Amino acid sequence: SRSTMSSRNDSISLRSLLAGASAGLAVDLTLYPLDTIKTRAQSSQGFAAAGGLRNLYSGLGSVALGSAPGAAIFFCTYQTMNKLIGRHDAYSHAFAAGVGEILACTVRVPTELVKQRAQADSSRRISSIFREILRSDGFRGFFRGYRSTIAREIPFSLIEFPLWEALKKVAARTQGKSECSPLMGAACGSMAGGVAAALTTPLDVVKTRIMLSTGKEKRRVMETLNQVYREGGISRLFSGILPRSLWMSLGGFIFFGAYEVTSNLTQKII
C-alpha cells in the first residue's frame, strides 16, 4: 500500500542519515592529521611556514561540528535520488552523487573554510577565525570557496561513487553473493577513494588556495588554477597528492566501512 511504501522510504532515509553521519565523523576524526598535512602542503606560504608537523589537530572542532550533518545530507540525498531515478548504473550513481554534493556543501563549506584557516595557522583559535570572517565579509564570507569546492567535489564523486558501486558488484560476484560484505564494501571504497583523490588533486589545490585567501578579492577557479601552474607547473598543481590520496584511501575504507556497518545495524532496528 501507499502508506507502507511511505513508511519504508522514511526508514531508508533515516538509515541513510544515521549511517552517513557516523561515516563522516569516523573518517574525519580518525584521519584529521593527514588532512592538516595536505592543507599545509598546498598553502601558498609552503608547508613549513604553514606549521609543518606542529599542532596537527588545529581546527578539529570546526570539522567535528560539520562532518556528521554534511555526510548525512549527502547520503540521504544520494540514496533518495537513486530510488527516484529507478536505475542502478554508473550514470544514475554519478548524477545522484553530484546532487548530494551540491546540497552537502552548504554545510561542509563553512566548516571547511574555518578548519583550513586554522590548519594553515595553528596559532589562531577557531573563535577568532569565525569573528574575522564575519567582520570582513559578513555571513557570505563563510561560503568563500563554495564554487571551487563544488568544482572539486562533483568530479570526485563522479569518479568515486560509480567506481565504488561497480567494484562492489564485482566483489559480490566473486563471493557468489547478491551483495558484498561490509568489509569488502569498505575495501572497494578505499580503492575508489584513492583513485578519485589522485585524479582531482589540482582541483583540491585550487579550493584550498581560495579558502585560505582573505580580503575582498574574488578568486576564480580557472584564474587560481593558472596561478598555481605558473608557480611550479604540473608538480605544483599536484601538491599534497600523496597525503590526499592516502587520506582518501584510508578514509574511503573507514567511511564506507562505517556506512555499511551502520546501515546494516540500523536496518535490523528500524
C-alpha atoms as a PDB file:
ATOM      1  CA  SER A   1       0.000   0.000   0.000  1.00  0.00           C
ATOM      2  CA  ARG A   2       0.925   3.670  -0.290  1.00  0.00           C
ATOM      3  CA  SER A   3       1.335   4.079   3.492  1.00  0.00           C
ATOM      4  CA  THR A   4       3.593   1.004   3.697  1.00  0.00           C
ATOM      5  CA  MET A   5       5.775   2.333   0.856  1.00  0.00           C
ATOM      6  CA  SER A   6       5.977   5.744   2.547  1.00  0.00           C
ATOM      7  CA  SER A   7       6.983   4.138   5.850  1.00  0.00           C
ATOM      8  CA  ARG A   8       9.641   2.086   4.079  1.00  0.00           C
ATOM      9  CA  ASN A   9      11.044   5.161   2.309  1.00  0.00           C
ATOM     10  CA  ASP A  10      11.143   7.054   5.632  1.00  0.00           C
ATOM     11  CA  SER A  11      13.093   4.225   7.276  1.00  0.00           C
ATOM     12  CA  ILE A  12      15.561   4.131   4.344  1.00  0.00           C
ATOM     13  CA  SER A  13      16.070   7.905   4.634  1.00  0.00           C
ATOM     14  CA  LEU A  14      16.607   7.622   8.393  1.00  0.00           C
ATOM     15  CA  ARG A  15      19.112   4.800   7.924  1.00  0.00           C
ATOM     16  CA  SER A  16      20.952   6.866   5.309  1.00  0.00           C
ATOM     17  CA  LEU A  17      21.073   9.861   7.663  1.00  0.00           C
ATOM     18  CA  LEU A  18      22.399   7.830  10.603  1.00  0.00           C
ATOM     19  CA  ALA A  19      24.862   5.810   8.522  1.00  0.00           C
ATOM     20  CA  GLY A  20      26.117   8.904   6.701  1.00  0.00           C
ATOM     21  CA  ALA A  21      26.588  10.866   9.925  1.00  0.00           C
ATOM     22  CA  SER A  22      28.570   8.060  11.582  1.00  0.00           C
ATOM     23  CA  ALA A  23      30.688   7.579   8.446  1.00  0.00           C
ATOM     24  CA  GLY A  24      31.542  11.282   8.207  1.00  0.00           C
ATOM     25  CA  LEU A  25      32.535  11.547  11.859  1.00  0.00           C
ATOM     26  CA  ALA A  26      34.550   8.318  11.787  1.00  0.00           C
ATOM     27  CA  VAL A  27      36.763   9.303   8.861  1.00  0.00           C
ATOM     28  CA  ASP A  28      37.251  12.997   9.704  1.00  0.00           C
ATOM     29  CA  LEU A  29      38.160  12.442  13.349  1.00  0.00           C
ATOM     30  CA  THR A  30      40.405   9.445  12.645  1.00  0.00           C
ATOM     31  CA  LEU A  31      42.484  10.857   9.789  1.00  0.00           C
ATOM     32  CA  TYR A  32      42.487  14.561  10.623  1.00  0.00           C
ATOM     33  CA  PRO A  33      46.320  14.917  10.884  1.00  0.00           C
ATOM     34  CA  LEU A  34      46.755  13.728   7.277  1.00  0.00           C
ATOM     35  CA  ASP A  35      44.271  16.347   6.130  1.00  0.00           C
ATOM     36  CA  THR A  36      46.211  19.042   8.001  1.00  0.00           C
ATOM     37  CA  ILE A  37      49.484  17.965   6.339  1.00  0.00           C
ATOM     38  CA  LYS A  38      47.785  18.072   2.927  1.00  0.00           C
ATOM     39  CA  THR A  39      46.361  21.566   3.540  1.00  0.00           C
ATOM     40  CA  ARG A  40      49.749  22.930   4.638  1.00  0.00           C
ATOM     41  CA  ALA A  41      51.492  21.386   1.622  1.00  0.00           C
ATOM     42  CA  GLN A  42      49.012  23.155  -0.680  1.00  0.00           C
ATOM     43  CA  SER A  43      49.089  26.573   1.029  1.00  0.00           C
ATOM     44  CA  SER A  44      50.784  29.451  -0.802  1.00  0.00           C
ATOM     45  CA  GLN A  45      53.309  30.078   2.016  1.00  0.00           C
ATOM     46  CA  GLY A  46      54.548  26.486   1.879  1.00  0.00           C
ATOM     47  CA  PHE A  47      54.424  23.501   4.225  1.00  0.00           C
ATOM     48  CA  ALA A  48      56.952  24.623   6.858  1.00  0.00           C
ATOM     49  CA  ALA A  49      55.666  28.209   7.108  1.00  0.00           C
ATOM     50  CA  ALA A  50      52.084  26.961   7.472  1.00  0.00           C
ATOM     51  CA  GLY A  51      53.024  24.929  10.543  1.00  0.00           C
ATOM     52  CA  GLY A  52      54.841  21.833   9.307  1.00  0.00           C
ATOM     53  CA  LEU A  53      54.122  18.884  11.585  1.00  0.00           C
ATOM     54  CA  ARG A  54      53.138  21.019  14.580  1.00  0.00           C
ATOM     55  CA  ASN A  55      49.617  21.124  16.042  1.00  0.00           C
ATOM     56  CA  LEU A  56      48.147  18.695  13.514  1.00  0.00           C
ATOM     57  CA  TYR A  57      44.730  18.832  15.162  1.00  0.00           C
ATOM     58  CA  SER A  58      44.260  22.587  14.663  1.00  0.00           C
ATOM     59  CA  GLY A  59      40.676  23.316  13.585  1.00  0.00           C
ATOM     60  CA  LEU A  60      39.326  19.922  14.660  1.00  0.00           C
ATOM     61  CA  GLY A  61      36.339  21.477  16.432  1.00  0.00           C
ATOM     62  CA  SER A  62      35.063  23.004  13.214  1.00  0.00           C
ATOM     63  CA  VAL A  63      35.193  19.807  11.181  1.00  0.00           C
ATOM     64  CA  ALA A  64      33.633  17.805  14.017  1.00  0.00           C
ATOM     65  CA  LEU A  65      30.704  20.220  14.006  1.00  0.00           C
ATOM     66  CA  GLY A  66      30.050  19.982  10.272  1.00  0.00           C
ATOM     67  CA  SER A  67      31.145  16.437   9.463  1.00  0.00           C
ATOM     68  CA  ALA A  68      28.094  14.491  10.647  1.00  0.00           C
ATOM     69  CA  PRO A  69      25.369  16.719   9.127  1.00  0.00           C
ATOM     70  CA  GLY A  70      27.299  17.148   5.856  1.00  0.00           C
ATOM     71  CA  ALA A  71      27.774  13.402   5.338  1.00  0.00           C
ATOM     72  CA  ALA A  72      24.214  12.690   6.483  1.00  0.00           C
ATOM     73  CA  ILE A  73      22.759  15.137   3.933  1.00  0.00           C
ATOM     74  CA  PHE A  74      24.922  13.651   1.191  1.00  0.00           C
ATOM     75  CA  PHE A  75      23.991  10.008   1.743  1.00  0.00           C
ATOM     76  CA  CYS A  76      20.316  10.737   2.317  1.00  0.00           C
ATOM     77  CA  THR A  77      20.228  12.651  -0.990  1.00  0.00           C
ATOM     78  CA  TYR A  78      22.325  10.013  -2.784  1.00  0.00           C
ATOM     79  CA  GLN A  79      20.051   7.132  -1.786  1.00  0.00           C
ATOM     80  CA  THR A  80      16.862   9.138  -2.405  1.00  0.00           C
ATOM     81  CA  MET A  81      17.965  10.235  -5.888  1.00  0.00           C
ATOM     82  CA  ASN A  82      18.934   6.688  -6.834  1.00  0.00           C
ATOM     83  CA  LYS A  83      15.487   5.459  -5.820  1.00  0.00           C
ATOM     84  CA  LEU A  84      13.745   8.273  -7.701  1.00  0.00           C
ATOM     85  CA  ILE A  85      15.759   7.567 -10.862  1.00  0.00           C
ATOM     86  CA  GLY A  86      14.985   3.866 -10.537  1.00  0.00           C
ATOM     87  CA  ARG A  87      18.132   2.652 -12.308  1.00  0.00           C
ATOM     88  CA  HIS A  88      21.371   1.339 -10.881  1.00  0.00           C
ATOM     89  CA  ASP A  89      24.045   2.175 -13.415  1.00  0.00           C
ATOM     90  CA  ALA A  90      27.128   4.414 -13.494  1.00  0.00           C
ATOM     91  CA  TYR A  91      25.181   7.405 -14.856  1.00  0.00           C
ATOM     92  CA  SER A  92      22.495   7.326 -12.161  1.00  0.00           C
ATOM     93  CA  HIS A  93      25.080   6.871  -9.391  1.00  0.00           C
ATOM     94  CA  ALA A  94      27.125   9.780 -10.764  1.00  0.00           C
ATOM     95  CA  PHE A  95      24.086  12.064 -11.031  1.00  0.00           C
ATOM     96  CA  ALA A  96      22.847  11.156  -7.544  1.00  0.00           C
ATOM     97  CA  ALA A  97      26.302  11.769  -6.087  1.00  0.00           C
ATOM     98  CA  GLY A  98      26.547  15.169  -7.824  1.00  0.00           C
ATOM     99  CA  VAL A  99      23.211  16.347  -6.413  1.00  0.00           C
ATOM    100  CA  GLY A 100      24.208  15.040  -2.992  1.00  0.00           C
ATOM    101  CA  GLU A 101      27.473  17.006  -3.052  1.00  0.00           C
ATOM    102  CA  ILE A 102      25.761  20.275  -4.026  1.00  0.00           C
ATOM    103  CA  LEU A 103      23.424  20.043  -1.026  1.00  0.00           C
ATOM    104  CA  ALA A 104      26.024  18.715   1.418  1.00  0.00           C
ATOM    105  CA  CYS A 105      28.425  21.562   0.586  1.00  0.00           C
ATOM    106  CA  THR A 106      26.007  24.114   2.074  1.00  0.00           C
ATOM    107  CA  VAL A 107      27.046  22.641   5.434  1.00  0.00           C
ATOM    108  CA  ARG A 108      30.534  21.450   4.538  1.00  0.00           C
ATOM    109  CA  VAL A 109      31.957  24.671   3.061  1.00  0.00           C
ATOM    110  CA  PRO A 110      31.626  26.969   6.118  1.00  0.00           C
ATOM    111  CA  THR A 111      33.173  24.377   8.446  1.00  0.00           C
ATOM    112  CA  GLU A 112      35.867  23.512   5.884  1.00  0.00           C
ATOM    113  CA  LEU A 113      36.730  27.205   5.500  1.00  0.00           C
ATOM    114  CA  VAL A 114      37.288  27.729   9.228  1.00  0.00           C
ATOM    115  CA  LYS A 115      39.104  24.397   9.531  1.00  0.00           C
ATOM    116  CA  GLN A 116      41.597  25.081   6.727  1.00  0.00           C
ATOM    117  CA  ARG A 117      42.449  28.532   8.027  1.00  0.00           C
ATOM    118  CA  ALA A 118      43.137  27.029  11.432  1.00  0.00           C
ATOM    119  CA  GLN A 119      45.262  24.301   9.841  1.00  0.00           C
ATOM    120  CA  ALA A 120      47.324  26.842   7.888  1.00  0.00           C
ATOM    121  CA  ASP A 121      47.924  28.970  11.004  1.00  0.00           C
ATOM    122  CA  SER A 122      47.878  26.807  14.136  1.00  0.00           C
ATOM    123  CA  SER A 123      48.367  29.820  16.431  1.00  0.00           C
ATOM    124  CA  ARG A 124      44.829  31.040  15.759  1.00  0.00           C
ATOM    125  CA  ARG A 125      41.708  29.925  17.577  1.00  0.00           C
ATOM    126  CA  ILE A 126      38.564  28.868  15.756  1.00  0.00           C
ATOM    127  CA  SER A 127      36.561  31.602  17.503  1.00  0.00           C
ATOM    128  CA  SER A 128      38.925  34.361  16.256  1.00  0.00           C
ATOM    129  CA  ILE A 129      38.802  32.982  12.690  1.00  0.00           C
ATOM    130  CA  PHE A 130      34.999  32.918  12.874  1.00  0.00           C
ATOM    131  CA  ARG A 131      34.862  36.552  14.061  1.00  0.00           C
ATOM    132  CA  GLU A 132      37.361  37.701  11.426  1.00  0.00           C
ATOM    133  CA  ILE A 133      35.331  36.162   8.570  1.00  0.00           C
ATOM    134  CA  LEU A 134      32.121  37.675   9.915  1.00  0.00           C
ATOM    135  CA  ARG A 135      33.732  41.115  10.352  1.00  0.00           C
ATOM    136  CA  SER A 136      35.483  41.271   6.970  1.00  0.00           C
ATOM    137  CA  ASP A 137      32.979  39.560   4.663  1.00  0.00           C
ATOM    138  CA  GLY A 138      29.770  39.108   6.636  1.00  0.00           C
ATOM    139  CA  PHE A 139      27.746  35.896   6.535  1.00  0.00           C
ATOM    140  CA  ARG A 140      28.522  35.404   2.831  1.00  0.00           C
ATOM    141  CA  GLY A 141      32.189  35.121   3.772  1.00  0.00           C
ATOM    142  CA  PHE A 142      31.564  31.652   5.190  1.00  0.00           C
ATOM    143  CA  PHE A 143      30.785  30.446   1.670  1.00  0.00           C
ATOM    144  CA  ARG A 144      34.066  31.632   0.154  1.00  0.00           C
ATOM    145  CA  GLY A 145      35.236  28.723  -1.950  1.00  0.00           C
ATOM    146  CA  TYR A 146      31.764  27.212  -2.410  1.00  0.00           C
ATOM    147  CA  ARG A 147      32.106  27.120  -6.199  1.00  0.00           C
ATOM    148  CA  SER A 148      35.645  25.753  -6.056  1.00  0.00           C
ATOM    149  CA  THR A 149      34.517  23.106  -3.567  1.00  0.00           C
ATOM    150  CA  ILE A 150      31.682  22.092  -5.887  1.00  0.00           C
ATOM    151  CA  ALA A 151      34.168  22.102  -8.792  1.00  0.00           C
ATOM    152  CA  ARG A 152      36.250  19.602  -6.818  1.00  0.00           C
ATOM    153  CA  GLU A 153      33.537  17.516  -5.181  1.00  0.00           C
ATOM    154  CA  ILE A 154      31.397  16.800  -8.243  1.00  0.00           C
ATOM    155  CA  PRO A 155      34.264  15.390 -10.403  1.00  0.00           C
ATOM    156  CA  PHE A 156      35.467  13.482  -7.336  1.00  0.00           C
ATOM    157  CA  SER A 157      32.029  11.960  -6.779  1.00  0.00           C
ATOM    158  CA  LEU A 158      31.550  11.272 -10.484  1.00  0.00           C
ATOM    159  CA  ILE A 159      34.636   9.063 -10.255  1.00  0.00           C
ATOM    160  CA  GLU A 160      34.346   7.652  -6.732  1.00  0.00           C
ATOM    161  CA  PHE A 161      30.729   6.528  -6.395  1.00  0.00           C
ATOM    162  CA  PRO A 162      30.217   4.789  -9.761  1.00  0.00           C
ATOM    163  CA  LEU A 163      33.604   3.095  -9.229  1.00  0.00           C
ATOM    164  CA  TRP A 164      32.616   2.072  -5.675  1.00  0.00           C
ATOM    165  CA  GLU A 165      29.293   0.625  -6.858  1.00  0.00           C
ATOM    166  CA  ALA A 166      30.990  -1.219  -9.748  1.00  0.00           C
ATOM    167  CA  LEU A 167      33.713  -2.665  -7.520  1.00  0.00           C
ATOM    168  CA  LYS A 168      31.079  -3.847  -5.026  1.00  0.00           C
ATOM    169  CA  LYS A 169      29.238  -5.701  -7.796  1.00  0.00           C
ATOM    170  CA  VAL A 170      32.477  -7.384  -8.886  1.00  0.00           C
ATOM    171  CA  ALA A 171      33.282  -8.309  -5.277  1.00  0.00           C
ATOM    172  CA  ALA A 172      29.792  -9.729  -4.729  1.00  0.00           C
ATOM    173  CA  ARG A 173      30.018 -11.847  -7.891  1.00  0.00           C
ATOM    174  CA  THR A 174      33.446 -13.089  -6.821  1.00  0.00           C
ATOM    175  CA  GLN A 175      31.991 -14.153  -3.457  1.00  0.00           C
ATOM    176  CA  GLY A 176      28.974 -15.703  -5.156  1.00  0.00           C
ATOM    177  CA  LYS A 177      26.551 -13.418  -3.307  1.00  0.00           C
ATOM    178  CA  SER A 178      23.973 -10.799  -4.244  1.00  0.00           C
ATOM    179  CA  GLU A 179      25.707  -8.192  -2.065  1.00  0.00           C
ATOM    180  CA  CYS A 180      29.278  -7.937  -0.845  1.00  0.00           C
ATOM    181  CA  SER A 181      30.178  -7.898   2.846  1.00  0.00           C
ATOM    182  CA  PRO A 182      30.730  -4.601   4.750  1.00  0.00           C
ATOM    183  CA  LEU A 183      34.465  -5.380   4.827  1.00  0.00           C
ATOM    184  CA  MET A 184      34.601  -5.806   1.050  1.00  0.00           C
ATOM    185  CA  GLY A 185      32.449  -2.693   0.635  1.00  0.00           C
ATOM    186  CA  ALA A 186      34.999  -0.782   2.704  1.00  0.00           C
ATOM    187  CA  ALA A 187      37.889  -2.161   0.607  1.00  0.00           C
ATOM    188  CA  CYS A 188      36.091  -1.111  -2.587  1.00  0.00           C
ATOM    189  CA  GLY A 189      35.560   2.341  -1.090  1.00  0.00           C
ATOM    190  CA  SER A 190      39.258   2.570  -0.281  1.00  0.00           C
ATOM    191  CA  MET A 191      40.265   1.843  -3.888  1.00  0.00           C
ATOM    192  CA  ALA A 192      37.651   4.186  -5.328  1.00  0.00           C
ATOM    193  CA  GLY A 193      38.605   6.996  -2.948  1.00  0.00           C
ATOM    194  CA  GLY A 194      42.325   6.722  -3.682  1.00  0.00           C
ATOM    195  CA  VAL A 195      41.832   6.835  -7.453  1.00  0.00           C
ATOM    196  CA  ALA A 196      39.375   9.745  -7.306  1.00  0.00           C
ATOM    197  CA  ALA A 197      41.606  11.690  -4.913  1.00  0.00           C
ATOM    198  CA  ALA A 198      44.696  11.395  -7.091  1.00  0.00           C
ATOM    199  CA  LEU A 199      42.888  12.486 -10.258  1.00  0.00           C
ATOM    200  CA  THR A 200      41.210  15.524  -8.654  1.00  0.00           C
ATOM    201  CA  THR A 201      44.204  16.840  -6.673  1.00  0.00           C
ATOM    202  CA  PRO A 202      44.614  20.013  -8.823  1.00  0.00           C
ATOM    203  CA  LEU A 203      41.010  20.981  -8.053  1.00  0.00           C
ATOM    204  CA  ASP A 204      41.688  20.374  -4.364  1.00  0.00           C
ATOM    205  CA  VAL A 205      44.731  22.667  -4.522  1.00  0.00           C
ATOM    206  CA  VAL A 206      42.573  25.397  -6.091  1.00  0.00           C
ATOM    207  CA  LYS A 207      39.894  25.000  -3.415  1.00  0.00           C
ATOM    208  CA  THR A 208      42.497  25.233  -0.643  1.00  0.00           C
ATOM    209  CA  ARG A 209      44.048  28.393  -2.117  1.00  0.00           C
ATOM    210  CA  ILE A 210      40.669  30.119  -2.483  1.00  0.00           C
ATOM    211  CA  MET A 211      39.601  29.219   1.049  1.00  0.00           C
ATOM    212  CA  LEU A 212      42.878  30.454   2.527  1.00  0.00           C
ATOM    213  CA  SER A 213      42.706  33.779   0.653  1.00  0.00           C
ATOM    214  CA  THR A 214      41.431  36.820   2.536  1.00  0.00           C
ATOM    215  CA  GLY A 215      40.115  40.251   1.644  1.00  0.00           C
ATOM    216  CA  LYS A 216      37.545  41.366  -0.897  1.00  0.00           C
ATOM    217  CA  GLU A 217      39.319  39.893  -3.917  1.00  0.00           C
ATOM    218  CA  LYS A 218      37.180  37.353  -5.749  1.00  0.00           C
ATOM    219  CA  ARG A 219      39.357  34.451  -6.784  1.00  0.00           C
ATOM    220  CA  ARG A 220      38.011  32.294  -9.590  1.00  0.00           C
ATOM    221  CA  VAL A 221      38.711  28.624 -10.193  1.00  0.00           C
ATOM    222  CA  MET A 222      40.439  28.923 -13.586  1.00  0.00           C
ATOM    223  CA  GLU A 223      42.441  32.000 -12.566  1.00  0.00           C
ATOM    224  CA  THR A 224      43.695  30.230  -9.452  1.00  0.00           C
ATOM    225  CA  LEU A 225      44.457  27.091 -11.459  1.00  0.00           C
ATOM    226  CA  ASN A 226      46.605  29.130 -13.870  1.00  0.00           C
ATOM    227  CA  GLN A 227      48.324  30.932 -10.994  1.00  0.00           C
ATOM    228  CA  VAL A 228      49.292  27.671  -9.288  1.00  0.00           C
ATOM    229  CA  TYR A 229      50.555  26.286 -12.606  1.00  0.00           C
ATOM    230  CA  ARG A 230      52.727  29.389 -13.147  1.00  0.00           C
ATOM    231  CA  GLU A 231      54.241  28.880  -9.684  1.00  0.00           C
ATOM    232  CA  GLY A 232      55.561  25.419 -10.357  1.00  0.00           C
ATOM    233  CA  GLY A 233      53.900  23.664 -13.265  1.00  0.00           C
ATOM    234  CA  ILE A 234      52.248  20.259 -13.001  1.00  0.00           C
ATOM    235  CA  SER A 235      54.107  19.316  -9.806  1.00  0.00           C
ATOM    236  CA  ARG A 236      52.645  22.358  -8.012  1.00  0.00           C
ATOM    237  CA  LEU A 237      49.141  21.503  -9.230  1.00  0.00           C
ATOM    238  CA  PHE A 238      49.550  18.071  -7.645  1.00  0.00           C
ATOM    239  CA  SER A 239      50.867  19.415  -4.326  1.00  0.00           C
ATOM    240  CA  GLY A 240      49.777  17.176  -1.485  1.00  0.00           C
ATOM    241  CA  ILE A 241      48.801  14.290  -3.776  1.00  0.00           C
ATOM    242  CA  LEU A 242      50.381  11.654  -1.509  1.00  0.00           C
ATOM    243  CA  PRO A 243      48.733  12.710   1.778  1.00  0.00           C
ATOM    244  CA  ARG A 244      45.465  13.418  -0.095  1.00  0.00           C
ATOM    245  CA  SER A 245      45.433  10.023  -1.825  1.00  0.00           C
ATOM    246  CA  LEU A 246      46.448   8.263   1.389  1.00  0.00           C
ATOM    247  CA  TRP A 247      43.819  10.220   3.350  1.00  0.00           C
ATOM    248  CA  MET A 248      41.108   9.370   0.849  1.00  0.00           C
ATOM    249  CA  SER A 249      42.186   5.753   0.513  1.00  0.00           C
ATOM    250  CA  LEU A 250      42.260   5.123   4.254  1.00  0.00           C
ATOM    251  CA  GLY A 251      39.300   7.451   4.624  1.00  0.00           C
ATOM    252  CA  GLY A 252      37.372   5.545   1.975  1.00  0.00           C
ATOM    253  CA  PHE A 253      37.876   2.317   3.903  1.00  0.00           C
ATOM    254  CA  ILE A 254      36.710   3.869   7.180  1.00  0.00           C
ATOM    255  CA  PHE A 255      33.970   5.994   5.586  1.00  0.00           C
ATOM    256  CA  PHE A 256      32.322   3.284   3.509  1.00  0.00           C
ATOM    257  CA  GLY A 257      33.003   0.655   6.163  1.00  0.00           C
ATOM    258  CA  ALA A 258      31.268   2.735   8.843  1.00  0.00           C
ATOM    259  CA  TYR A 259      28.435   3.472   6.428  1.00  0.00           C
ATOM    260  CA  GLU A 260      27.903  -0.191   5.524  1.00  0.00           C
ATOM    261  CA  VAL A 261      28.107  -1.409   9.147  1.00  0.00           C
ATOM    262  CA  THR A 262      25.791   1.300  10.489  1.00  0.00           C
ATOM    263  CA  SER A 263      23.363   0.797   7.615  1.00  0.00           C
ATOM    264  CA  ASN A 264      23.209  -2.947   8.287  1.00  0.00           C
ATOM    265  CA  LEU A 265      22.752  -2.428  12.031  1.00  0.00           C
ATOM    266  CA  THR A 266      20.014   0.168  11.651  1.00  0.00           C
ATOM    267  CA  GLN A 267      18.250  -1.990   9.065  1.00  0.00           C
ATOM    268  CA  LYS A 268      17.716  -4.582  11.793  1.00  0.00           C
ATOM    269  CA  ILE A 269      16.458  -1.973  14.261  1.00  0.00           C
ATOM    270  CA  ILE A 270      14.454   0.474  12.127  1.00  0.00           C
END
